[in-house]
Amino acid sequence: MTDSTKTIAVVGATGAQGGGLARAILDDPKGGFRVRAITRHADSDKARALAAAGAEVVAADLDDEASLERALKGAYGAFFVTNFWEHFSPDKELAQARNLAQAAKAAGVKHIVWSTLEDTRKKVPLSDDRMPTLMEKYKVPHFDAKGESDALFEGLPTTWLATSFYWDNLIYFGMNPKPGADGVLEFVLPMDDAKMPGIAAEDIGRSAYGLFQAGDAFIGKHVAIAGEHLNGKEMASALSDALGREVRHAAVSPAQFRGFGFPGADDLGNMFQYKRDFEADFRGPRDVEATRKLNPRLQSFRQWLAANASRIPTE
């Protein structure tokens, strides 16, 4: 490290997206950046592992603006992400985004990368009954809160980074293929034949690193990323090959998916319907080759499966 090395403060450095960015920086010791891992639990195993790998670990809480300002002090750049699924509260997510934006402004951060998603209400107003309104003021809460938060970063040196469905959900989020009534594995994707942009969570972090490496080139710009665009049948085919057993696409409607009843099923059902009904608008900005320019190590779904299929539950 030299005096010219710039510090990137990474919120969620022990999680999926932030972890990918932290590792990308640590893997490139001559890249001109150092990692400051921001986490609530600085003594966790993951935080200790980052410290052992060379990261500076700093404790801060997204609900505490003052702690964030202290953690961001002296950082050139900052990667911000919020985790709706930790609390299922879009209002809390909005408040956390506001804390991040205000702390970054107070700390004088020179480049913010804000991990975001679309506000679906711009295309499906609350009065539109094509999909149910949730929590009285959202259509897809975990999208809408991030999209609404975009305005909080206006006037700050920000890159708005729109992400895609990450394939790691097949491991951690219950999206794995499950045996059907006849024992054949079924992959459920309620989007008919529409293609869905997807990406490895690790590649979100690596793409964010590409944004920081580009200097000021992406400040003030909206960037959307994906590793590949696939429909349910194509994903099921790739899963069949990777798992060594038949996986079929279970074509259910978004309404059926909403009725599955697990926590967040209605949110996700609406999300898949949005991606299906506005396929061209959603897929258009998420250009795979543009993503590859940011992240030359970008993986396809089959490449990701080659490394991760053994971790996908099948029972």
C-alpha atoms as a PDB file:
ATOM      1  CA  MET A   1       0.000   0.000   0.000  1.00  0.00           C
ATOM      2  CA  THR A   2       1.158   3.530  -0.765  1.00  0.00           C
ATOM      3  CA  ASP A   3      -0.068   6.973   0.239  1.00  0.00           C
ATOM      4  CA  SER A   4      -1.868   7.195  -3.104  1.00  0.00           C
ATOM      5  CA  THR A   5      -3.896   4.053  -2.421  1.00  0.00           C
ATOM      6  CA  LYS A   6      -7.574   4.953  -2.196  1.00  0.00           C
ATOM      7  CA  THR A   7      -9.868   3.475   0.435  1.00  0.00           C
ATOM      8  CA  ILE A   8     -13.172   1.957  -0.682  1.00  0.00           C
ATOM      9  CA  ALA A   9     -15.623   1.589   2.203  1.00  0.00           C
ATOM     10  CA  VAL A  10     -17.811  -1.449   1.551  1.00  0.00           C
ATOM     11  CA  VAL A  11     -21.167  -1.766   3.272  1.00  0.00           C
ATOM     12  CA  GLY A  12     -22.233  -5.403   3.507  1.00  0.00           C
ATOM     13  CA  ALA A  13     -18.653  -6.603   3.094  1.00  0.00           C
ATOM     14  CA  THR A  14     -19.524  -9.880   4.822  1.00  0.00           C
ATOM     15  CA  GLY A  15     -22.541 -10.393   2.534  1.00  0.00           C
ATOM     16  CA  ALA A  16     -23.065 -11.385  -1.090  1.00  0.00           C
ATOM     17  CA  GLN A  17     -22.593  -8.202  -3.131  1.00  0.00           C
ATOM     18  CA  GLY A  18     -20.243  -6.362  -0.778  1.00  0.00           C
ATOM     19  CA  GLY A  19     -18.242  -9.524  -0.215  1.00  0.00           C
ATOM     20  CA  GLY A  20     -17.661  -9.831  -3.952  1.00  0.00           C
ATOM     21  CA  LEU A  21     -16.338  -6.269  -4.093  1.00  0.00           C
ATOM     22  CA  ALA A  22     -14.133  -6.741  -1.026  1.00  0.00           C
ATOM     23  CA  ARG A  23     -12.581  -9.873  -2.537  1.00  0.00           C
ATOM     24  CA  ALA A  24     -12.104  -8.176  -5.916  1.00  0.00           C
ATOM     25  CA  ILE A  25     -10.102  -5.392  -4.283  1.00  0.00           C
ATOM     26  CA  LEU A  26      -8.110  -7.787  -2.099  1.00  0.00           C
ATOM     27  CA  ASP A  27      -7.346  -9.948  -5.165  1.00  0.00           C
ATOM     28  CA  ASP A  28      -5.779  -6.936  -6.895  1.00  0.00           C
ATOM     29  CA  PRO A  29      -3.119  -5.595  -4.498  1.00  0.00           C
ATOM     30  CA  LYS A  30      -1.598  -3.376  -7.207  1.00  0.00           C
ATOM     31  CA  GLY A  31      -4.958  -1.931  -8.238  1.00  0.00           C
ATOM     32  CA  GLY A  32      -4.598   1.250  -6.201  1.00  0.00           C
ATOM     33  CA  PHE A  33      -7.402   0.526  -3.723  1.00  0.00           C
ATOM     34  CA  ARG A  34      -7.726  -0.808  -0.200  1.00  0.00           C
ATOM     35  CA  VAL A  35     -10.813  -2.238   1.475  1.00  0.00           C
ATOM     36  CA  ARG A  36     -12.565  -0.848   4.514  1.00  0.00           C
ATOM     37  CA  ALA A  37     -15.150  -3.475   5.420  1.00  0.00           C
ATOM     38  CA  ILE A  38     -18.153  -1.935   7.178  1.00  0.00           C
ATOM     39  CA  THR A  39     -20.162  -4.391   9.236  1.00  0.00           C
ATOM     40  CA  ARG A  40     -22.327  -4.405  12.335  1.00  0.00           C
ATOM     41  CA  HIS A  41     -20.390  -7.355  13.707  1.00  0.00           C
ATOM     42  CA  ALA A  42     -16.681  -6.664  13.455  1.00  0.00           C
ATOM     43  CA  ASP A  43     -15.886  -9.785  15.498  1.00  0.00           C
ATOM     44  CA  SER A  44     -17.795 -12.233  13.273  1.00  0.00           C
ATOM     45  CA  ASP A  45     -15.965 -15.064  11.532  1.00  0.00           C
ATOM     46  CA  LYS A  46     -16.469 -13.446   8.130  1.00  0.00           C
ATOM     47  CA  ALA A  47     -15.176 -10.097   9.380  1.00  0.00           C
ATOM     48  CA  ARG A  48     -12.143 -11.773  10.936  1.00  0.00           C
ATOM     49  CA  ALA A  49     -11.457 -13.545   7.649  1.00  0.00           C
ATOM     50  CA  LEU A  50     -11.536 -10.235   5.783  1.00  0.00           C
ATOM     51  CA  ALA A  51      -9.166  -8.687   8.323  1.00  0.00           C
ATOM     52  CA  ALA A  52      -6.807 -11.634   7.941  1.00  0.00           C
ATOM     53  CA  ALA A  53      -6.885 -11.123   4.161  1.00  0.00           C
ATOM     54  CA  GLY A  54      -5.827  -7.502   4.553  1.00  0.00           C
ATOM     55  CA  ALA A  55      -9.059  -5.536   4.921  1.00  0.00           C
ATOM     56  CA  GLU A  56      -9.606  -2.797   7.480  1.00  0.00           C
ATOM     57  CA  VAL A  57     -12.730  -3.774   9.428  1.00  0.00           C
ATOM     58  CA  VAL A  58     -14.900  -1.040  10.935  1.00  0.00           C
ATOM     59  CA  ALA A  59     -18.127  -1.458  12.899  1.00  0.00           C
ATOM     60  CA  ALA A  60     -21.154   0.635  11.911  1.00  0.00           C
ATOM     61  CA  ASP A  61     -24.923   0.251  11.780  1.00  0.00           C
ATOM     62  CA  LEU A  62     -27.135   1.332   8.866  1.00  0.00           C
ATOM     63  CA  ASP A  63     -29.702   2.537  11.401  1.00  0.00           C
ATOM     64  CA  ASP A  64     -27.124   4.880  12.982  1.00  0.00           C
ATOM     65  CA  GLU A  65     -26.079   7.741  10.693  1.00  0.00           C
ATOM     66  CA  ALA A  66     -23.365   8.950  13.059  1.00  0.00           C
ATOM     67  CA  SER A  67     -21.681   5.540  13.085  1.00  0.00           C
ATOM     68  CA  LEU A  68     -21.765   5.496   9.286  1.00  0.00           C
ATOM     69  CA  GLU A  69     -20.220   8.946   9.030  1.00  0.00           C
ATOM     70  CA  ARG A  70     -17.363   7.843  11.304  1.00  0.00           C
ATOM     71  CA  ALA A  71     -16.877   4.673   9.258  1.00  0.00           C
ATOM     72  CA  LEU A  72     -16.769   6.622   5.980  1.00  0.00           C
ATOM     73  CA  LYS A  73     -14.338   9.284   7.181  1.00  0.00           C
ATOM     74  CA  GLY A  74     -11.334   9.503   4.870  1.00  0.00           C
ATOM     75  CA  ALA A  75     -12.703   7.031   2.310  1.00  0.00           C
ATOM     76  CA  TYR A  76     -12.426   7.937  -1.369  1.00  0.00           C
ATOM     77  CA  GLY A  77     -15.266   5.653  -2.422  1.00  0.00           C
ATOM     78  CA  ALA A  78     -18.162   3.773  -0.883  1.00  0.00           C
ATOM     79  CA  PHE A  79     -20.308   0.845  -1.974  1.00  0.00           C
ATOM     80  CA  PHE A  80     -23.792   0.930  -0.511  1.00  0.00           C
ATOM     81  CA  VAL A  81     -26.319  -1.894  -0.390  1.00  0.00           C
ATOM     82  CA  THR A  82     -29.348  -2.509   1.821  1.00  0.00           C
ATOM     83  CA  ASN A  83     -30.868  -5.882   2.700  1.00  0.00           C
ATOM     84  CA  PHE A  84     -34.665  -5.874   2.561  1.00  0.00           C
ATOM     85  CA  TRP A  85     -34.841  -9.598   3.348  1.00  0.00           C
ATOM     86  CA  GLU A  86     -33.272  -9.069   6.746  1.00  0.00           C
ATOM     87  CA  HIS A  87     -36.330  -7.191   8.040  1.00  0.00           C
ATOM     88  CA  PHE A  88     -38.985  -7.156   5.248  1.00  0.00           C
ATOM     89  CA  SER A  89     -39.532  -3.409   5.784  1.00  0.00           C
ATOM     90  CA  PRO A  90     -39.311  -1.045   2.794  1.00  0.00           C
ATOM     91  CA  ASP A  91     -39.685   1.907   5.139  1.00  0.00           C
ATOM     92  CA  LYS A  92     -36.639   0.757   7.095  1.00  0.00           C
ATOM     93  CA  GLU A  93     -34.743   0.296   3.840  1.00  0.00           C
ATOM     94  CA  LEU A  94     -35.596   3.864   2.811  1.00  0.00           C
ATOM     95  CA  ALA A  95     -34.435   5.188   6.176  1.00  0.00           C
ATOM     96  CA  GLN A  96     -31.165   3.261   5.884  1.00  0.00           C
ATOM     97  CA  ALA A  97     -30.548   4.599   2.381  1.00  0.00           C
ATOM     98  CA  ARG A  98     -31.144   8.125   3.686  1.00  0.00           C
ATOM     99  CA  ASN A  99     -28.602   7.535   6.461  1.00  0.00           C
ATOM    100  CA  LEU A 100     -26.059   6.267   3.928  1.00  0.00           C
ATOM    101  CA  ALA A 101     -26.529   9.231   1.607  1.00  0.00           C
ATOM    102  CA  GLN A 102     -26.320  11.796   4.392  1.00  0.00           C
ATOM    103  CA  ALA A 103     -23.290  10.127   5.985  1.00  0.00           C
ATOM    104  CA  ALA A 104     -21.486   9.998   2.630  1.00  0.00           C
ATOM    105  CA  LYS A 105     -22.176  13.677   2.055  1.00  0.00           C
ATOM    106  CA  ALA A 106     -20.935  14.606   5.514  1.00  0.00           C
ATOM    107  CA  ALA A 107     -17.800  12.468   5.128  1.00  0.00           C
ATOM    108  CA  GLY A 108     -16.986  13.920   1.698  1.00  0.00           C
ATOM    109  CA  VAL A 109     -16.965  10.605  -0.181  1.00  0.00           C
ATOM    110  CA  LYS A 110     -15.805  11.189  -3.769  1.00  0.00           C
ATOM    111  CA  HIS A 111     -17.535   8.232  -5.487  1.00  0.00           C
ATOM    112  CA  ILE A 112     -20.601   6.337  -4.276  1.00  0.00           C
ATOM    113  CA  VAL A 113     -21.816   3.148  -5.952  1.00  0.00           C
ATOM    114  CA  TRP A 114     -25.425   2.584  -4.857  1.00  0.00           C
ATOM    115  CA  SER A 115     -26.815  -0.919  -5.475  1.00  0.00           C
ATOM    116  CA  THR A 116     -30.385  -0.403  -6.590  1.00  0.00           C
ATOM    117  CA  LEU A 117     -33.408  -1.712  -8.510  1.00  0.00           C
ATOM    118  CA  GLU A 118     -36.347  -0.211 -10.386  1.00  0.00           C
ATOM    119  CA  ASP A 119     -39.325   1.444  -8.696  1.00  0.00           C
ATOM    120  CA  THR A 120     -41.998  -0.737 -10.304  1.00  0.00           C
ATOM    121  CA  ARG A 121     -44.745   1.774  -9.475  1.00  0.00           C
ATOM    122  CA  LYS A 122     -43.540   3.928 -12.359  1.00  0.00           C
ATOM    123  CA  LYS A 123     -44.984   1.287 -14.691  1.00  0.00           C
ATOM    124  CA  VAL A 124     -47.589  -0.293 -12.398  1.00  0.00           C
ATOM    125  CA  PRO A 125     -49.247   2.466 -10.331  1.00  0.00           C
ATOM    126  CA  LEU A 126     -50.910   1.520  -7.074  1.00  0.00           C
ATOM    127  CA  SER A 127     -54.270   1.947  -8.800  1.00  0.00           C
ATOM    128  CA  ASP A 128     -53.339  -0.728 -11.362  1.00  0.00           C
ATOM    129  CA  ASP A 129     -54.939  -4.037 -10.357  1.00  0.00           C
ATOM    130  CA  ARG A 130     -52.800  -6.222 -12.623  1.00  0.00           C
ATOM    131  CA  MET A 131     -50.917  -7.139  -9.470  1.00  0.00           C
ATOM    132  CA  PRO A 132     -51.905  -6.608  -5.830  1.00  0.00           C
ATOM    133  CA  THR A 133     -50.709  -3.590  -3.877  1.00  0.00           C
ATOM    134  CA  LEU A 134     -48.612  -4.696  -0.896  1.00  0.00           C
ATOM    135  CA  MET A 135     -48.100  -2.939   2.436  1.00  0.00           C
ATOM    136  CA  GLU A 136     -50.575  -0.276   1.202  1.00  0.00           C
ATOM    137  CA  LYS A 137     -48.045   1.623  -0.938  1.00  0.00           C
ATOM    138  CA  TYR A 138     -45.826  -0.808  -2.865  1.00  0.00           C
ATOM    139  CA  LYS A 139     -46.096  -3.256  -5.742  1.00  0.00           C
ATOM    140  CA  VAL A 140     -42.703  -4.957  -5.366  1.00  0.00           C
ATOM    141  CA  PRO A 141     -41.524  -3.702  -1.965  1.00  0.00           C
ATOM    142  CA  HIS A 142     -37.907  -4.874  -2.212  1.00  0.00           C
ATOM    143  CA  PHE A 143     -37.601  -3.158  -5.615  1.00  0.00           C
ATOM    144  CA  ASP A 144     -39.653  -0.061  -4.933  1.00  0.00           C
ATOM    145  CA  ALA A 145     -37.865   1.021  -1.763  1.00  0.00           C
ATOM    146  CA  LYS A 146     -34.485   0.924  -3.524  1.00  0.00           C
ATOM    147  CA  GLY A 147     -35.851   2.708  -6.583  1.00  0.00           C
ATOM    148  CA  GLU A 148     -37.469   5.390  -4.430  1.00  0.00           C
ATOM    149  CA  SER A 149     -34.170   5.784  -2.584  1.00  0.00           C
ATOM    150  CA  ASP A 150     -32.365   6.671  -5.823  1.00  0.00           C
ATOM    151  CA  ALA A 151     -33.466  10.289  -5.408  1.00  0.00           C
ATOM    152  CA  LEU A 152     -31.614  10.506  -2.085  1.00  0.00           C
ATOM    153  CA  PHE A 153     -28.312  10.261  -3.954  1.00  0.00           C
ATOM    154  CA  GLU A 154     -29.066  13.006  -6.485  1.00  0.00           C
ATOM    155  CA  GLY A 155     -26.465  15.775  -6.208  1.00  0.00           C
ATOM    156  CA  LEU A 156     -23.893  13.368  -4.768  1.00  0.00           C
ATOM    157  CA  PRO A 157     -21.052  11.771  -6.819  1.00  0.00           C
ATOM    158  CA  THR A 158     -23.006   8.574  -7.406  1.00  0.00           C
ATOM    159  CA  THR A 159     -23.177   5.667  -9.820  1.00  0.00           C
ATOM    160  CA  TRP A 160     -26.579   3.963  -9.652  1.00  0.00           C
ATOM    161  CA  LEU A 161     -25.902   0.241 -10.148  1.00  0.00           C
ATOM    162  CA  ALA A 162     -29.031  -1.750 -11.062  1.00  0.00           C
ATOM    163  CA  THR A 163     -28.494  -5.426 -10.327  1.00  0.00           C
ATOM    164  CA  SER A 164     -30.166  -8.633 -11.535  1.00  0.00           C
ATOM    165  CA  PHE A 165     -31.570 -11.802  -9.960  1.00  0.00           C
ATOM    166  CA  TYR A 166     -28.627 -13.634  -8.535  1.00  0.00           C
ATOM    167  CA  TRP A 167     -28.148 -17.281  -9.143  1.00  0.00           C
ATOM    168  CA  ASP A 168     -26.943 -17.741  -5.579  1.00  0.00           C
ATOM    169  CA  ASN A 169     -30.667 -17.648  -4.677  1.00  0.00           C
ATOM    170  CA  LEU A 170     -30.686 -21.267  -5.838  1.00  0.00           C
ATOM    171  CA  ILE A 171     -28.435 -22.069  -2.868  1.00  0.00           C
ATOM    172  CA  TYR A 172     -29.579 -19.733  -0.116  1.00  0.00           C
ATOM    173  CA  PHE A 173     -33.042 -18.408  -0.888  1.00  0.00           C
ATOM    174  CA  GLY A 174     -35.223 -21.420  -1.517  1.00  0.00           C
ATOM    175  CA  MET A 175     -35.243 -21.076  -5.310  1.00  0.00           C
ATOM    176  CA  ASN A 176     -33.571 -24.485  -5.732  1.00  0.00           C
ATOM    177  CA  PRO A 177     -35.258 -27.243  -7.781  1.00  0.00           C
ATOM    178  CA  LYS A 178     -37.532 -29.419  -5.661  1.00  0.00           C
ATOM    179  CA  PRO A 179     -38.985 -32.881  -6.318  1.00  0.00           C
ATOM    180  CA  GLY A 180     -42.412 -32.837  -7.958  1.00  0.00           C
ATOM    181  CA  ALA A 181     -45.173 -35.357  -7.320  1.00  0.00           C
ATOM    182  CA  ASP A 182     -43.386 -37.909  -9.510  1.00  0.00           C
ATOM    183  CA  GLY A 183     -39.975 -37.264  -7.948  1.00  0.00           C
ATOM    184  CA  VAL A 184     -38.601 -35.313 -10.911  1.00  0.00           C
ATOM    185  CA  LEU A 185     -36.939 -32.057  -9.882  1.00  0.00           C
ATOM    186  CA  GLU A 186     -38.889 -28.913 -10.760  1.00  0.00           C
ATOM    187  CA  PHE A 187     -37.507 -25.407 -11.159  1.00  0.00           C
ATOM    188  CA  VAL A 188     -40.239 -22.817 -10.643  1.00  0.00           C
ATOM    189  CA  LEU A 189     -39.993 -19.545 -12.548  1.00  0.00           C
ATOM    190  CA  PRO A 190     -43.401 -17.870 -13.055  1.00  0.00           C
ATOM    191  CA  MET A 191     -42.495 -15.873 -16.151  1.00  0.00           C
ATOM    192  CA  ASP A 192     -43.839 -18.047 -18.998  1.00  0.00           C
ATOM    193  CA  ASP A 193     -41.189 -17.920 -21.763  1.00  0.00           C
ATOM    194  CA  ALA A 194     -39.846 -14.481 -20.865  1.00  0.00           C
ATOM    195  CA  LYS A 195     -36.109 -14.302 -20.291  1.00  0.00           C
ATOM    196  CA  MET A 196     -34.784 -13.115 -16.944  1.00  0.00           C
ATOM    197  CA  PRO A 197     -31.442 -11.353 -16.508  1.00  0.00           C
ATOM    198  CA  GLY A 198     -29.346 -13.167 -13.913  1.00  0.00           C
ATOM    199  CA  ILE A 199     -25.870 -12.857 -12.451  1.00  0.00           C
ATOM    200  CA  ALA A 200     -23.543 -14.423  -9.901  1.00  0.00           C
ATOM    201  CA  ALA A 201     -23.549 -12.358  -6.703  1.00  0.00           C
ATOM    202  CA  GLU A 202     -19.739 -12.364  -6.829  1.00  0.00           C
ATOM    203  CA  ASP A 203     -19.917 -10.679 -10.228  1.00  0.00           C
ATOM    204  CA  ILE A 204     -22.016  -7.831  -8.862  1.00  0.00           C
ATOM    205  CA  GLY A 205     -19.135  -6.963  -6.557  1.00  0.00           C
ATOM    206  CA  ARG A 206     -16.580  -7.379  -9.314  1.00  0.00           C
ATOM    207  CA  SER A 207     -18.618  -5.129 -11.604  1.00  0.00           C
ATOM    208  CA  ALA A 208     -18.740  -2.503  -8.857  1.00  0.00           C
ATOM    209  CA  TYR A 209     -14.948  -2.736  -8.683  1.00  0.00           C
ATOM    210  CA  GLY A 210     -14.846  -1.989 -12.407  1.00  0.00           C
ATOM    211  CA  LEU A 211     -16.869   1.173 -11.770  1.00  0.00           C
ATOM    212  CA  PHE A 212     -14.377   2.373  -9.165  1.00  0.00           C
ATOM    213  CA  GLN A 213     -11.447   1.463 -11.431  1.00  0.00           C
ATOM    214  CA  ALA A 214     -12.922   3.681 -14.155  1.00  0.00           C
ATOM    215  CA  GLY A 215     -12.416   6.774 -11.999  1.00  0.00           C
ATOM    216  CA  ASP A 216     -14.978   9.491 -12.693  1.00  0.00           C
ATOM    217  CA  ALA A 217     -16.276   7.913 -15.918  1.00  0.00           C
ATOM    218  CA  PHE A 218     -19.457   6.519 -14.372  1.00  0.00           C
ATOM    219  CA  ILE A 219     -20.195   9.204 -11.783  1.00  0.00           C
ATOM    220  CA  GLY A 220     -23.687  10.567 -12.352  1.00  0.00           C
ATOM    221  CA  LYS A 221     -24.655   7.594 -14.519  1.00  0.00           C
ATOM    222  CA  HIS A 222     -27.074   4.689 -14.231  1.00  0.00           C
ATOM    223  CA  VAL A 223     -25.520   1.295 -14.996  1.00  0.00           C
ATOM    224  CA  ALA A 224     -27.358  -2.040 -15.152  1.00  0.00           C
ATOM    225  CA  ILE A 225     -25.620  -5.428 -15.145  1.00  0.00           C
ATOM    226  CA  ALA A 226     -26.311  -9.088 -15.947  1.00  0.00           C
ATOM    227  CA  GLY A 227     -24.335 -12.247 -16.621  1.00  0.00           C
ATOM    228  CA  GLU A 228     -26.878 -13.872 -18.936  1.00  0.00           C
ATOM    229  CA  HIS A 229     -30.555 -13.649 -19.931  1.00  0.00           C
ATOM    230  CA  LEU A 230     -32.386 -16.992 -19.683  1.00  0.00           C
ATOM    231  CA  ASN A 231     -35.942 -18.252 -19.453  1.00  0.00           C
ATOM    232  CA  GLY A 232     -37.185 -20.993 -17.147  1.00  0.00           C
ATOM    233  CA  LYS A 233     -36.723 -23.783 -19.678  1.00  0.00           C
ATOM    234  CA  GLU A 234     -33.150 -22.722 -20.419  1.00  0.00           C
ATOM    235  CA  MET A 235     -32.289 -22.546 -16.729  1.00  0.00           C
ATOM    236  CA  ALA A 236     -33.874 -25.952 -16.124  1.00  0.00           C
ATOM    237  CA  SER A 237     -31.827 -27.439 -18.987  1.00  0.00           C
ATOM    238  CA  ALA A 238     -28.590 -26.041 -17.575  1.00  0.00           C
ATOM    239  CA  LEU A 239     -29.537 -27.307 -14.106  1.00  0.00           C
ATOM    240  CA  SER A 240     -30.219 -30.791 -15.542  1.00  0.00           C
ATOM    241  CA  ASP A 241     -26.752 -30.940 -17.061  1.00  0.00           C
ATOM    242  CA  ALA A 242     -25.020 -29.578 -13.959  1.00  0.00           C
ATOM    243  CA  LEU A 243     -26.877 -31.757 -11.439  1.00  0.00           C
ATOM    244  CA  GLY A 244     -26.794 -34.904 -13.551  1.00  0.00           C
ATOM    245  CA  ARG A 245     -30.531 -35.508 -13.223  1.00  0.00           C
ATOM    246  CA  GLU A 246     -33.632 -34.221 -14.948  1.00  0.00           C
ATOM    247  CA  VAL A 247     -34.877 -30.777 -13.958  1.00  0.00           C
ATOM    248  CA  ARG A 248     -38.028 -29.474 -15.635  1.00  0.00           C
ATOM    249  CA  HIS A 249     -39.421 -25.980 -15.665  1.00  0.00           C
ATOM    250  CA  ALA A 250     -42.591 -25.806 -13.574  1.00  0.00           C
ATOM    251  CA  ALA A 251     -44.635 -23.129 -15.314  1.00  0.00           C
ATOM    252  CA  VAL A 252     -46.866 -21.520 -12.693  1.00  0.00           C
ATOM    253  CA  SER A 253     -48.552 -18.135 -12.876  1.00  0.00           C
ATOM    254  CA  PRO A 254     -47.410 -15.191 -10.748  1.00  0.00           C
ATOM    255  CA  ALA A 255     -50.740 -15.479  -8.892  1.00  0.00           C
ATOM    256  CA  GLN A 256     -50.012 -19.123  -8.061  1.00  0.00           C
ATOM    257  CA  PHE A 257     -46.536 -18.148  -6.895  1.00  0.00           C
ATOM    258  CA  ARG A 258     -47.971 -15.426  -4.652  1.00  0.00           C
ATOM    259  CA  GLY A 259     -50.172 -18.114  -3.133  1.00  0.00           C
ATOM    260  CA  PHE A 260     -47.263 -20.323  -2.056  1.00  0.00           C
ATOM    261  CA  GLY A 261     -47.430 -18.548   1.291  1.00  0.00           C
ATOM    262  CA  PHE A 262     -43.792 -18.401   2.360  1.00  0.00           C
ATOM    263  CA  PRO A 263     -42.533 -15.048   3.717  1.00  0.00           C
ATOM    264  CA  GLY A 264     -42.120 -12.705   0.760  1.00  0.00           C
ATOM    265  CA  ALA A 265     -44.012 -14.914  -1.735  1.00  0.00           C
ATOM    266  CA  ASP A 266     -46.367 -12.065  -2.691  1.00  0.00           C
ATOM    267  CA  ASP A 267     -43.436  -9.669  -3.179  1.00  0.00           C
ATOM    268  CA  LEU A 268     -41.559 -12.170  -5.352  1.00  0.00           C
ATOM    269  CA  GLY A 269     -44.670 -13.132  -7.303  1.00  0.00           C
ATOM    270  CA  ASN A 270     -45.163  -9.487  -8.186  1.00  0.00           C
ATOM    271  CA  MET A 271     -41.469  -9.183  -9.047  1.00  0.00           C
ATOM    272  CA  PHE A 272     -41.557 -12.062 -11.500  1.00  0.00           C
ATOM    273  CA  GLN A 273     -44.759 -10.693 -13.050  1.00  0.00           C
ATOM    274  CA  TYR A 274     -43.081  -7.285 -13.480  1.00  0.00           C
ATOM    275  CA  LYS A 275     -40.069  -8.876 -15.168  1.00  0.00           C
ATOM    276  CA  ARG A 276     -42.406 -10.866 -17.441  1.00  0.00           C
ATOM    277  CA  ASP A 277     -44.829  -8.084 -18.319  1.00  0.00           C
ATOM    278  CA  PHE A 278     -42.098  -5.496 -18.912  1.00  0.00           C
ATOM    279  CA  GLU A 279     -39.495  -7.881 -20.265  1.00  0.00           C
ATOM    280  CA  ALA A 280     -38.041  -5.571 -22.921  1.00  0.00           C
ATOM    281  CA  ASP A 281     -37.791  -2.592 -20.569  1.00  0.00           C
ATOM    282  CA  PHE A 282     -36.253  -4.645 -17.775  1.00  0.00           C
ATOM    283  CA  ARG A 283     -33.794  -6.596 -19.918  1.00  0.00           C
ATOM    284  CA  GLY A 284     -32.793  -3.749 -22.225  1.00  0.00           C
ATOM    285  CA  PRO A 285     -30.433  -1.842 -19.908  1.00  0.00           C
ATOM    286  CA  ARG A 286     -28.873  -5.040 -18.512  1.00  0.00           C
ATOM    287  CA  ASP A 287     -26.357  -5.555 -21.294  1.00  0.00           C
ATOM    288  CA  VAL A 288     -24.121  -8.589 -20.826  1.00  0.00           C
ATOM    289  CA  GLU A 289     -21.242  -7.344 -22.976  1.00  0.00           C
ATOM    290  CA  ALA A 290     -21.231  -3.951 -21.262  1.00  0.00           C
ATOM    291  CA  THR A 291     -21.109  -5.818 -17.945  1.00  0.00           C
ATOM    292  CA  ARG A 292     -18.174  -7.885 -19.217  1.00  0.00           C
ATOM    293  CA  LYS A 293     -16.230  -4.691 -19.939  1.00  0.00           C
ATOM    294  CA  LEU A 294     -16.587  -3.763 -16.276  1.00  0.00           C
ATOM    295  CA  ASN A 295     -15.855  -7.314 -15.131  1.00  0.00           C
ATOM    296  CA  PRO A 296     -13.800  -9.415 -17.572  1.00  0.00           C
ATOM    297  CA  ARG A 297     -14.273 -12.464 -15.320  1.00  0.00           C
ATOM    298  CA  LEU A 298     -18.074 -12.344 -15.752  1.00  0.00           C
ATOM    299  CA  GLN A 299     -19.624 -15.817 -15.533  1.00  0.00           C
ATOM    300  CA  SER A 300     -22.440 -17.352 -17.557  1.00  0.00           C
ATOM    301  CA  PHE A 301     -25.057 -19.435 -15.752  1.00  0.00           C
ATOM    302  CA  ARG A 302     -23.385 -22.678 -16.822  1.00  0.00           C
ATOM    303  CA  GLN A 303     -19.994 -21.434 -15.658  1.00  0.00           C
ATOM    304  CA  TRP A 304     -21.497 -20.495 -12.317  1.00  0.00           C
ATOM    305  CA  LEU A 305     -23.163 -23.904 -12.078  1.00  0.00           C
ATOM    306  CA  ALA A 306     -19.870 -25.686 -12.805  1.00  0.00           C
ATOM    307  CA  ALA A 307     -18.464 -24.174  -9.612  1.00  0.00           C
ATOM    308  CA  ASN A 308     -21.619 -24.206  -7.469  1.00  0.00           C
ATOM    309  CA  ALA A 309     -23.981 -27.025  -8.487  1.00  0.00           C
ATOM    310  CA  SER A 310     -22.819 -29.209  -5.599  1.00  0.00           C
ATOM    311  CA  ARG A 311     -24.060 -26.532  -3.164  1.00  0.00           C
ATOM    312  CA  ILE A 312     -27.626 -26.439  -4.533  1.00  0.00           C
ATOM    313  CA  PRO A 313     -30.087 -28.415  -2.352  1.00  0.00           C
ATOM    314  CA  THR A 314     -32.173 -30.933  -4.313  1.00  0.00           C
ATOM    315  CA  GLU A 315     -34.281 -32.606  -1.613  1.00  0.00           C
END
